[in-house]
């Protein structure tokens, strides 16, 4: 086994109006907005984007109106309308997991570094993240980053 999934972070949905999507989940299912500081932080480093995290049961939905530079997200929205873009996982052994995915035919769509401390998480420095196309293997794009010790998704301010 290449790596170990330690946590499911969120289902990432591209949507032209994240506020309307969030309001729908709140009104119909009683979802609650979470990770507000993280949402605001992502918007600050991606001008033009709109991000809202909504928790329903044990699942966090990240609604994304992509800003400039988020080509994969914008392409999915343009091609399909509102839809699931990816799921985001935290993994122990990020690099071996990426390598195992590539060895099994997955394609790396992008890699990027994020600074999550600005989003209210107790993580110093930059975290590497990968967006992998595993549509042929499991029907999903998978965004993944290294496990964040002591953090439970959906509990950031």
N, C-alpha and C. Protein backbone atom coordinates (compact mmCIF):
# COMPACT_ATOMS: atom_id res chain seq x y z
N UNK A 1 0.85 -1.18 0.00
CA UNK A 1 0.00 0.00 0.00
C UNK A 1 0.89 1.23 0.00
N UNK A 2 0.59 2.18 -0.87
CA UNK A 2 1.42 3.37 -1.04
C UNK A 2 1.27 4.36 0.11
N UNK A 3 0.07 4.68 0.45
CA UNK A 3 -0.19 5.66 1.51
C UNK A 3 -1.43 5.22 2.25
N UNK A 4 -1.85 6.03 3.17
CA UNK A 4 -3.02 5.70 3.97
C UNK A 4 -3.89 6.95 4.06
N UNK A 5 -5.15 6.82 3.67
CA UNK A 5 -6.06 7.94 3.81
C UNK A 5 -6.40 8.13 5.28
N UNK A 6 -6.17 9.33 5.78
CA UNK A 6 -6.43 9.56 7.20
C UNK A 6 -7.73 10.31 7.45
N UNK A 7 -8.20 11.06 6.44
CA UNK A 7 -9.44 11.82 6.63
C UNK A 7 -10.03 12.22 5.29
N UNK A 8 -11.34 12.21 5.25
CA UNK A 8 -12.07 12.76 4.11
C UNK A 8 -12.30 14.22 4.45
N UNK A 9 -11.86 15.15 3.61
CA UNK A 9 -11.98 16.57 3.94
C UNK A 9 -13.30 17.13 3.42
N UNK A 10 -13.48 17.09 2.09
CA UNK A 10 -14.73 17.63 1.56
C UNK A 10 -15.03 17.15 0.15
N UNK A 11 -16.28 17.36 -0.25
CA UNK A 11 -16.72 17.21 -1.62
C UNK A 11 -16.69 18.62 -2.21
N UNK A 12 -15.93 18.78 -3.27
CA UNK A 12 -15.75 20.11 -3.86
C UNK A 12 -16.67 20.26 -5.07
N UNK A 13 -17.59 21.20 -5.00
CA UNK A 13 -18.61 21.39 -6.02
C UNK A 13 -18.39 22.75 -6.67
N UNK A 14 -18.26 22.76 -8.02
CA UNK A 14 -18.20 24.04 -8.73
C UNK A 14 -19.63 24.50 -8.97
N UNK A 15 -19.85 25.78 -8.72
CA UNK A 15 -21.21 26.32 -8.81
C UNK A 15 -21.10 27.81 -9.14
N UNK A 16 -21.96 28.32 -10.02
CA UNK A 16 -21.88 29.75 -10.34
C UNK A 16 -22.35 30.65 -9.19
N UNK A 17 -23.09 30.08 -8.23
CA UNK A 17 -23.61 30.86 -7.11
C UNK A 17 -23.50 30.04 -5.81
N UNK A 18 -22.30 29.99 -5.22
CA UNK A 18 -22.12 29.21 -3.99
C UNK A 18 -23.07 29.61 -2.87
N UNK A 19 -23.43 30.88 -2.79
CA UNK A 19 -24.34 31.33 -1.73
C UNK A 19 -25.71 30.67 -1.88
N UNK A 20 -26.21 30.59 -3.10
CA UNK A 20 -27.51 29.95 -3.34
C UNK A 20 -27.43 28.46 -3.02
N UNK A 21 -26.34 27.81 -3.40
CA UNK A 21 -26.18 26.39 -3.10
C UNK A 21 -26.15 26.15 -1.59
N UNK A 22 -25.40 27.01 -0.88
CA UNK A 22 -25.32 26.89 0.58
C UNK A 22 -26.69 27.13 1.22
N UNK A 23 -27.41 28.14 0.73
CA UNK A 23 -28.74 28.43 1.27
C UNK A 23 -29.69 27.25 1.06
N UNK A 24 -29.57 26.58 -0.09
CA UNK A 24 -30.40 25.41 -0.36
C UNK A 24 -30.14 24.31 0.67
N UNK A 25 -28.85 23.98 0.88
CA UNK A 25 -28.52 22.93 1.86
C UNK A 25 -28.97 23.30 3.27
N UNK A 26 -28.85 24.58 3.61
CA UNK A 26 -29.27 25.05 4.94
C UNK A 26 -30.78 24.93 5.09
N UNK A 27 -31.54 25.43 4.10
CA UNK A 27 -33.00 25.47 4.19
C UNK A 27 -33.64 24.08 4.11
N UNK A 28 -33.11 23.25 3.26
CA UNK A 28 -33.74 21.95 3.03
C UNK A 28 -33.26 20.88 4.00
N UNK A 29 -31.95 20.89 4.30
CA UNK A 29 -31.38 19.80 5.09
C UNK A 29 -30.82 20.22 6.45
N UNK A 30 -30.82 21.53 6.73
CA UNK A 30 -30.30 21.99 8.01
C UNK A 30 -28.78 22.02 8.08
N UNK A 31 -28.12 22.08 6.94
CA UNK A 31 -26.65 22.14 6.93
C UNK A 31 -26.18 23.41 7.61
N UNK A 32 -24.97 23.35 8.16
CA UNK A 32 -24.41 24.52 8.83
C UNK A 32 -23.11 24.95 8.15
N UNK A 33 -22.92 26.26 8.11
CA UNK A 33 -21.70 26.79 7.51
C UNK A 33 -20.54 26.57 8.48
N UNK A 34 -19.42 26.06 7.96
CA UNK A 34 -18.23 25.81 8.76
C UNK A 34 -17.02 26.35 8.02
N UNK A 35 -15.90 26.35 8.70
CA UNK A 35 -14.61 26.72 8.11
C UNK A 35 -14.65 28.09 7.42
N UNK A 36 -15.35 29.03 8.07
CA UNK A 36 -15.48 30.38 7.50
C UNK A 36 -14.15 31.08 7.32
N UNK A 37 -13.26 30.92 8.29
CA UNK A 37 -11.95 31.56 8.17
C UNK A 37 -11.17 30.96 7.01
N UNK A 38 -11.28 29.66 6.83
CA UNK A 38 -10.62 28.99 5.71
C UNK A 38 -11.20 29.46 4.38
N UNK A 39 -12.52 29.56 4.29
CA UNK A 39 -13.16 30.05 3.06
C UNK A 39 -12.68 31.45 2.71
N UNK A 40 -12.66 32.33 3.71
CA UNK A 40 -12.21 33.71 3.48
C UNK A 40 -10.76 33.75 3.06
N UNK A 41 -9.94 32.92 3.66
CA UNK A 41 -8.53 32.87 3.31
C UNK A 41 -8.34 32.44 1.85
N UNK A 42 -9.05 31.39 1.44
CA UNK A 42 -8.92 30.92 0.05
C UNK A 42 -9.33 32.04 -0.91
N UNK A 43 -10.41 32.74 -0.58
CA UNK A 43 -10.85 33.86 -1.43
C UNK A 43 -9.79 34.95 -1.49
N UNK A 44 -9.08 35.18 -0.39
CA UNK A 44 -8.07 36.25 -0.37
C UNK A 44 -6.86 35.92 -1.24
N UNK A 45 -6.56 34.64 -1.40
CA UNK A 45 -5.41 34.26 -2.24
C UNK A 45 -5.84 33.89 -3.65
N UNK A 46 -7.14 33.87 -3.90
CA UNK A 46 -7.67 33.59 -5.23
C UNK A 46 -8.74 34.63 -5.56
N UNK A 47 -8.29 35.86 -5.85
CA UNK A 47 -9.24 36.94 -6.11
C UNK A 47 -10.26 36.55 -7.20
N UNK A 48 -11.51 36.87 -6.93
CA UNK A 48 -12.58 36.54 -7.86
C UNK A 48 -13.29 35.24 -7.53
N UNK A 49 -12.68 34.44 -6.69
CA UNK A 49 -13.31 33.17 -6.29
C UNK A 49 -14.31 33.43 -5.17
N UNK A 50 -15.29 32.56 -5.06
CA UNK A 50 -16.23 32.57 -3.94
C UNK A 50 -16.25 31.15 -3.40
N UNK A 51 -16.01 31.00 -2.10
CA UNK A 51 -15.90 29.70 -1.46
C UNK A 51 -16.80 29.66 -0.23
N UNK A 52 -17.59 28.61 -0.09
CA UNK A 52 -18.39 28.40 1.12
C UNK A 52 -18.30 26.92 1.49
N UNK A 53 -18.04 26.66 2.76
CA UNK A 53 -18.01 25.29 3.29
C UNK A 53 -19.28 25.06 4.10
N UNK A 54 -20.00 24.00 3.74
CA UNK A 54 -21.24 23.64 4.46
C UNK A 54 -21.13 22.21 4.95
N UNK A 55 -21.45 22.00 6.22
CA UNK A 55 -21.38 20.66 6.80
C UNK A 55 -22.78 20.09 6.93
N UNK A 56 -22.95 18.89 6.40
CA UNK A 56 -24.21 18.18 6.46
C UNK A 56 -23.90 16.78 6.93
N UNK A 57 -24.40 16.42 8.11
CA UNK A 57 -23.99 15.15 8.70
C UNK A 57 -22.50 15.22 8.95
N UNK A 58 -21.78 14.22 8.50
CA UNK A 58 -20.33 14.24 8.67
C UNK A 58 -19.59 14.66 7.43
N UNK A 59 -20.28 15.25 6.45
CA UNK A 59 -19.65 15.61 5.18
C UNK A 59 -19.62 17.13 5.03
N UNK A 60 -18.46 17.64 4.58
CA UNK A 60 -18.32 19.05 4.27
C UNK A 60 -18.38 19.20 2.75
N UNK A 61 -19.27 20.07 2.29
CA UNK A 61 -19.35 20.42 0.88
C UNK A 61 -18.66 21.77 0.71
N UNK A 62 -17.69 21.84 -0.18
CA UNK A 62 -17.03 23.10 -0.49
C UNK A 62 -17.59 23.59 -1.82
N UNK A 63 -18.39 24.64 -1.77
CA UNK A 63 -18.94 25.22 -2.99
C UNK A 63 -17.96 26.27 -3.51
N UNK A 64 -17.62 26.15 -4.79
CA UNK A 64 -16.57 26.97 -5.39
C UNK A 64 -17.08 27.66 -6.65
N UNK A 65 -17.04 28.97 -6.65
CA UNK A 65 -17.14 29.72 -7.90
C UNK A 65 -15.69 30.06 -8.23
N UNK A 66 -15.13 29.43 -9.29
CA UNK A 66 -13.70 29.59 -9.53
C UNK A 66 -13.33 31.01 -9.94
N UNK A 67 -12.14 31.39 -9.52
CA UNK A 67 -11.56 32.65 -9.93
C UNK A 67 -10.49 32.39 -10.98
N UNK A 68 -9.84 33.45 -11.44
CA UNK A 68 -8.76 33.29 -12.42
C UNK A 68 -7.68 32.34 -11.90
N UNK A 69 -7.18 31.49 -12.80
CA UNK A 69 -6.13 30.55 -12.43
C UNK A 69 -6.64 29.19 -12.00
N UNK A 70 -7.95 29.04 -11.89
CA UNK A 70 -8.54 27.75 -11.50
C UNK A 70 -9.15 27.10 -12.75
N UNK A 71 -8.29 26.82 -13.73
CA UNK A 71 -8.76 26.36 -15.03
C UNK A 71 -9.57 25.07 -14.96
N UNK A 72 -9.10 24.07 -14.22
CA UNK A 72 -9.81 22.80 -14.15
C UNK A 72 -11.22 23.00 -13.59
N UNK A 73 -11.35 23.83 -12.58
CA UNK A 73 -12.64 24.10 -11.97
C UNK A 73 -13.56 24.84 -12.95
N UNK A 74 -13.01 25.84 -13.63
CA UNK A 74 -13.81 26.60 -14.59
C UNK A 74 -14.22 25.74 -15.77
N UNK A 75 -13.31 24.87 -16.24
CA UNK A 75 -13.65 23.98 -17.35
C UNK A 75 -14.79 23.04 -16.97
N UNK A 76 -14.75 22.50 -15.76
CA UNK A 76 -15.83 21.61 -15.31
C UNK A 76 -17.15 22.36 -15.24
N UNK A 77 -17.12 23.58 -14.73
CA UNK A 77 -18.35 24.38 -14.63
C UNK A 77 -18.88 24.71 -16.02
N UNK A 78 -17.99 25.12 -16.93
CA UNK A 78 -18.41 25.45 -18.29
C UNK A 78 -18.98 24.24 -19.02
N UNK A 79 -18.37 23.08 -18.84
CA UNK A 79 -18.78 21.88 -19.56
C UNK A 79 -20.03 21.24 -18.98
N UNK A 80 -20.18 21.28 -17.66
CA UNK A 80 -21.24 20.50 -17.01
C UNK A 80 -22.24 21.32 -16.21
N UNK A 81 -21.97 22.60 -16.01
CA UNK A 81 -22.79 23.36 -15.08
C UNK A 81 -22.39 22.98 -13.66
N UNK A 82 -23.20 23.28 -12.67
CA UNK A 82 -22.86 22.91 -11.30
C UNK A 82 -22.64 21.40 -11.20
N UNK A 83 -21.52 21.02 -10.60
CA UNK A 83 -21.21 19.59 -10.51
C UNK A 83 -20.09 19.36 -9.49
N UNK A 84 -19.91 18.10 -9.12
CA UNK A 84 -18.78 17.74 -8.26
C UNK A 84 -17.52 17.84 -9.09
N UNK A 85 -16.59 18.63 -8.63
CA UNK A 85 -15.30 18.74 -9.31
C UNK A 85 -14.33 17.69 -8.79
N UNK A 86 -14.27 17.55 -7.46
CA UNK A 86 -13.36 16.57 -6.87
C UNK A 86 -13.76 16.28 -5.43
N UNK A 87 -13.16 15.25 -4.87
CA UNK A 87 -13.20 15.03 -3.43
C UNK A 87 -11.80 15.33 -2.93
N UNK A 88 -11.71 15.81 -1.70
CA UNK A 88 -10.41 16.14 -1.12
C UNK A 88 -10.15 15.23 0.06
N UNK A 89 -8.99 14.59 0.02
CA UNK A 89 -8.58 13.64 1.05
C UNK A 89 -7.28 14.10 1.69
N UNK A 90 -7.14 13.80 2.96
CA UNK A 90 -5.86 13.93 3.65
C UNK A 90 -5.25 12.55 3.69
N UNK A 91 -3.96 12.45 3.35
CA UNK A 91 -3.30 11.14 3.29
C UNK A 91 -1.99 11.17 4.05
N UNK A 92 -1.64 10.03 4.59
CA UNK A 92 -0.32 9.84 5.18
C UNK A 92 0.54 9.23 4.09
N UNK A 93 1.58 9.93 3.68
CA UNK A 93 2.42 9.46 2.58
C UNK A 93 1.95 10.04 1.26
N UNK A 94 1.97 11.35 1.15
CA UNK A 94 1.46 12.04 -0.03
C UNK A 94 2.20 11.62 -1.30
N UNK A 95 3.51 11.68 -1.29
CA UNK A 95 4.27 11.37 -2.50
C UNK A 95 4.11 9.91 -2.93
N UNK A 96 4.23 8.93 -2.01
CA UNK A 96 4.00 7.55 -2.45
C UNK A 96 2.59 7.32 -2.99
N UNK A 97 1.61 8.04 -2.43
CA UNK A 97 0.24 7.90 -2.91
C UNK A 97 0.13 8.46 -4.32
N UNK A 98 0.71 9.62 -4.56
CA UNK A 98 0.70 10.21 -5.91
C UNK A 98 1.37 9.26 -6.90
N UNK A 99 2.52 8.73 -6.53
CA UNK A 99 3.25 7.82 -7.41
C UNK A 99 2.43 6.56 -7.70
N UNK A 100 1.76 6.02 -6.70
CA UNK A 100 0.94 4.83 -6.90
C UNK A 100 -0.24 5.12 -7.82
N UNK A 101 -0.82 6.30 -7.69
CA UNK A 101 -1.92 6.67 -8.57
C UNK A 101 -1.44 6.77 -10.02
N UNK A 102 -0.29 7.40 -10.23
CA UNK A 102 0.25 7.52 -11.59
C UNK A 102 0.57 6.13 -12.16
N UNK A 103 1.14 5.27 -11.33
CA UNK A 103 1.47 3.91 -11.78
C UNK A 103 0.22 3.14 -12.20
N UNK A 104 -0.93 3.52 -11.65
CA UNK A 104 -2.19 2.84 -11.98
C UNK A 104 -2.98 3.60 -13.04
N UNK A 105 -2.32 4.54 -13.73
CA UNK A 105 -2.95 5.21 -14.86
C UNK A 105 -3.62 6.53 -14.58
N UNK A 106 -3.55 7.03 -13.36
CA UNK A 106 -4.14 8.33 -13.06
C UNK A 106 -3.24 9.43 -13.65
N UNK A 107 -3.84 10.57 -13.89
CA UNK A 107 -3.10 11.70 -14.45
C UNK A 107 -3.08 12.83 -13.43
N UNK A 108 -1.89 13.41 -13.24
CA UNK A 108 -1.78 14.57 -12.36
C UNK A 108 -2.26 15.79 -13.13
N UNK A 109 -3.29 16.46 -12.62
CA UNK A 109 -3.85 17.64 -13.25
C UNK A 109 -3.06 18.87 -12.83
N UNK A 110 -2.77 18.97 -11.53
CA UNK A 110 -2.01 20.12 -11.04
C UNK A 110 -1.39 19.79 -9.69
N UNK A 111 -0.41 20.59 -9.35
CA UNK A 111 0.17 20.56 -8.01
C UNK A 111 0.30 21.99 -7.56
N UNK A 112 0.12 22.20 -6.28
CA UNK A 112 0.19 23.55 -5.75
C UNK A 112 0.53 23.48 -4.28
N UNK A 113 1.04 24.57 -3.77
CA UNK A 113 1.36 24.69 -2.36
C UNK A 113 0.38 25.66 -1.72
N UNK A 114 -0.09 25.30 -0.55
CA UNK A 114 -1.02 26.16 0.18
C UNK A 114 -0.47 26.43 1.57
N UNK A 115 -0.80 27.59 2.09
CA UNK A 115 -0.44 27.95 3.45
C UNK A 115 -1.73 27.98 4.24
N UNK A 116 -1.97 26.96 5.03
CA UNK A 116 -3.24 26.82 5.72
C UNK A 116 -3.32 27.58 7.03
N UNK A 117 -2.20 28.04 7.53
CA UNK A 117 -2.21 28.79 8.79
C UNK A 117 -3.09 30.03 8.66
N UNK A 118 -3.07 30.66 7.49
CA UNK A 118 -3.91 31.83 7.24
C UNK A 118 -5.39 31.49 7.26
N UNK A 119 -5.70 30.20 7.07
CA UNK A 119 -7.09 29.76 7.07
C UNK A 119 -7.57 29.28 8.43
N UNK A 120 -6.77 29.51 9.46
CA UNK A 120 -7.18 29.15 10.81
C UNK A 120 -6.75 27.78 11.27
N UNK A 121 -5.94 27.09 10.46
CA UNK A 121 -5.45 25.78 10.87
C UNK A 121 -4.07 25.91 11.49
N UNK A 122 -3.80 25.09 12.48
CA UNK A 122 -2.52 25.15 13.19
C UNK A 122 -1.46 24.35 12.43
N UNK A 123 -1.10 24.87 11.25
CA UNK A 123 -0.13 24.21 10.38
C UNK A 123 0.87 25.27 9.93
N UNK A 124 2.13 25.03 10.21
CA UNK A 124 3.16 25.99 9.80
C UNK A 124 3.68 25.63 8.42
N UNK A 125 4.12 26.65 7.71
CA UNK A 125 4.73 26.43 6.41
C UNK A 125 3.70 26.11 5.33
N UNK A 126 4.23 25.69 4.20
CA UNK A 126 3.40 25.39 3.05
C UNK A 126 3.11 23.90 2.96
N UNK A 127 1.91 23.58 2.56
CA UNK A 127 1.50 22.20 2.36
C UNK A 127 1.39 21.95 0.85
N UNK A 128 1.98 20.87 0.38
CA UNK A 128 1.85 20.47 -1.02
C UNK A 128 0.50 19.79 -1.21
N UNK A 129 -0.13 20.09 -2.33
CA UNK A 129 -1.40 19.46 -2.69
C UNK A 129 -1.33 19.04 -4.15
N UNK A 130 -2.02 17.95 -4.46
CA UNK A 130 -2.10 17.47 -5.83
C UNK A 130 -3.57 17.30 -6.21
N UNK A 131 -3.89 17.61 -7.45
CA UNK A 131 -5.18 17.28 -8.02
C UNK A 131 -4.91 16.19 -9.04
N UNK A 132 -5.51 15.04 -8.82
CA UNK A 132 -5.29 13.86 -9.66
C UNK A 132 -6.59 13.47 -10.36
N UNK A 133 -6.48 13.14 -11.64
CA UNK A 133 -7.61 12.66 -12.40
C UNK A 133 -7.65 11.14 -12.27
N UNK A 134 -8.61 10.65 -11.52
CA UNK A 134 -8.82 9.21 -11.37
C UNK A 134 -10.21 8.85 -11.89
N UNK A 135 -10.66 9.59 -12.91
CA UNK A 135 -12.00 9.36 -13.44
C UNK A 135 -12.14 7.94 -14.00
N UNK A 136 -11.14 7.46 -14.73
CA UNK A 136 -11.23 6.11 -15.30
C UNK A 136 -11.17 5.04 -14.21
N UNK A 137 -10.44 5.31 -13.14
CA UNK A 137 -10.24 4.31 -12.09
C UNK A 137 -11.40 4.26 -11.11
N UNK A 138 -11.88 5.43 -10.65
CA UNK A 138 -12.94 5.45 -9.63
C UNK A 138 -14.04 6.48 -9.90
N UNK A 139 -13.98 7.15 -11.06
CA UNK A 139 -15.02 8.12 -11.38
C UNK A 139 -14.88 9.45 -10.67
N UNK A 140 -13.68 9.75 -10.16
CA UNK A 140 -13.47 10.99 -9.38
C UNK A 140 -12.16 11.66 -9.74
N UNK A 141 -12.14 12.97 -9.54
CA UNK A 141 -10.87 13.68 -9.42
C UNK A 141 -10.60 13.72 -7.92
N UNK A 142 -9.36 13.50 -7.54
CA UNK A 142 -9.00 13.47 -6.13
C UNK A 142 -7.96 14.54 -5.86
N UNK A 143 -8.32 15.46 -4.98
CA UNK A 143 -7.36 16.44 -4.48
C UNK A 143 -6.85 15.88 -3.16
N UNK A 144 -5.54 15.95 -2.96
CA UNK A 144 -5.03 15.36 -1.72
C UNK A 144 -3.86 16.16 -1.19
N UNK A 145 -3.74 16.12 0.12
CA UNK A 145 -2.62 16.73 0.82
C UNK A 145 -2.26 15.84 2.00
N UNK A 146 -1.10 16.11 2.57
CA UNK A 146 -0.62 15.33 3.71
C UNK A 146 -1.55 15.54 4.91
N UNK A 147 -1.68 14.53 5.72
CA UNK A 147 -2.46 14.59 6.94
C UNK A 147 -2.05 15.80 7.78
N UNK A 148 -3.02 16.46 8.38
CA UNK A 148 -2.78 17.60 9.26
C UNK A 148 -2.99 17.11 10.68
N UNK A 149 -1.92 16.87 11.43
CA UNK A 149 -2.05 16.30 12.77
C UNK A 149 -2.97 17.13 13.67
N UNK A 150 -3.89 16.44 14.34
CA UNK A 150 -4.74 17.07 15.33
C UNK A 150 -5.92 17.84 14.77
N UNK A 151 -6.10 17.85 13.45
CA UNK A 151 -7.20 18.61 12.87
C UNK A 151 -8.27 17.69 12.36
N UNK A 152 -9.52 18.02 12.64
CA UNK A 152 -10.67 17.27 12.15
C UNK A 152 -11.40 18.16 11.15
N UNK A 153 -11.52 17.71 9.88
CA UNK A 153 -12.24 18.53 8.88
C UNK A 153 -13.62 18.92 9.36
N UNK A 154 -13.99 20.16 9.03
CA UNK A 154 -15.29 20.67 9.40
C UNK A 154 -15.31 21.34 10.75
N UNK A 155 -14.15 21.39 11.42
CA UNK A 155 -14.11 22.00 12.75
C UNK A 155 -13.32 23.29 12.80
N UNK A 156 -12.76 23.73 11.67
CA UNK A 156 -12.03 25.01 11.67
C UNK A 156 -13.05 26.14 11.73
N UNK A 157 -12.62 27.26 12.25
CA UNK A 157 -13.52 28.41 12.38
C UNK A 157 -13.95 28.95 11.04
